[in-house]
Amino acid sequence: MTYSDFEFYESEVTDVINQVLDAVRDKSFSDYVLLLGHAGYQEEIEGSFLSPYIISSQLEMYQDRTRERFLVSYINTYVSFLKDSVFMVNDYKEYDLNIQMMIYSQIWESHQFLKTLKRIGDILAGKPYDWRIPFEKPDNNGVMRPIHKGNMIQEQIIKNLKKGHPAFGKLVESLYDGQLRNDFAHSSYFIDIESNSIKSLDSERYIVKKTTDLFDWEQTFIYSVMLSYHLISSLRDRCNSFPKDYPELPYVTIDWPSYNNPGVVLKAQIFPEERPWGIEFNFKRKKE
């Protein structure tokens, strides 16, 4: 890959992200604001006098920030190699590919990333904003077990995205490879530098299930990184520019689920408030 290729991929991804976020805004402005405002559900508040359905959820805002900083650090190094046309020796190339596989697995395991994609798809499908997206469900004995993320991505995310915004849905579909994600997570792969490929291995039957050309992998990896990074950063930028973009809009009326009366949806007003670290949305305070 050349640096000009990288710039083209990044431009392509940022364009489609801006298109889909504009589509979300036009479909439901109030839900768009909930997406910008990190509306979520804080389970630890259950049973208190406060509602667990909150705006500016700290968990929603910061749970993925450490991984994001690592990703940015890696990409900066990657780009500097491209600019300088650095040739990697085989040992370093294998090392670097392992780092890429870890990053790819983290992207498609990230709760924050998957929640954001699901909410975008739901809004475009005309569904209400999903405040609480579980990643566990009880088994027959009532024990909480992790959900199958592959099914969630295919059935709850990609389907809605392809209907609501075909270009964005096709991009996400093309980048999610459940086989590779599982192989990387379970170390069931072999990097074959000689044949310039990654071999997905069946550790039970000792066969090669799939062979991925390293050129194809590099495209998948870079597009995935660009999608992950620019989707979250675009939401952050849009949130921070909200007062400037909508100066005549002092507050936004949203649908707020009632915690005490399940199934009841209340109307509430939220407004952007300046913080040292940026803009946060908060519930409009009642006048004394």
Foldseek 3Di string as FASTA:
>chain_A
DALVVLVVLLVVLLVVLVVLLVLLCVLPVQLSVQLLFQFAADVVCPPPPDGRGFTNDVCLVPVCVVLLVVLVVLVVVVSVCNVVVPDDDPVVVVVVVLVLLVNLLCLLVPPNNLLSQLQSLCSLVVHAGDRYDDQWDADPVGDTDGDDSVCCCVPRGLVSCCVRPVVVSVLSVVLDDPQSSVCSVVVQWDCDVVVQWIFRADPVVGDTPDIGHNVNVVSSSSSSSSNSNSNVVVSNVCQQCVCVVCVVDQWDWHWDADPVDGPDTDIWIWGWDADPVGIHIHTDDDDD
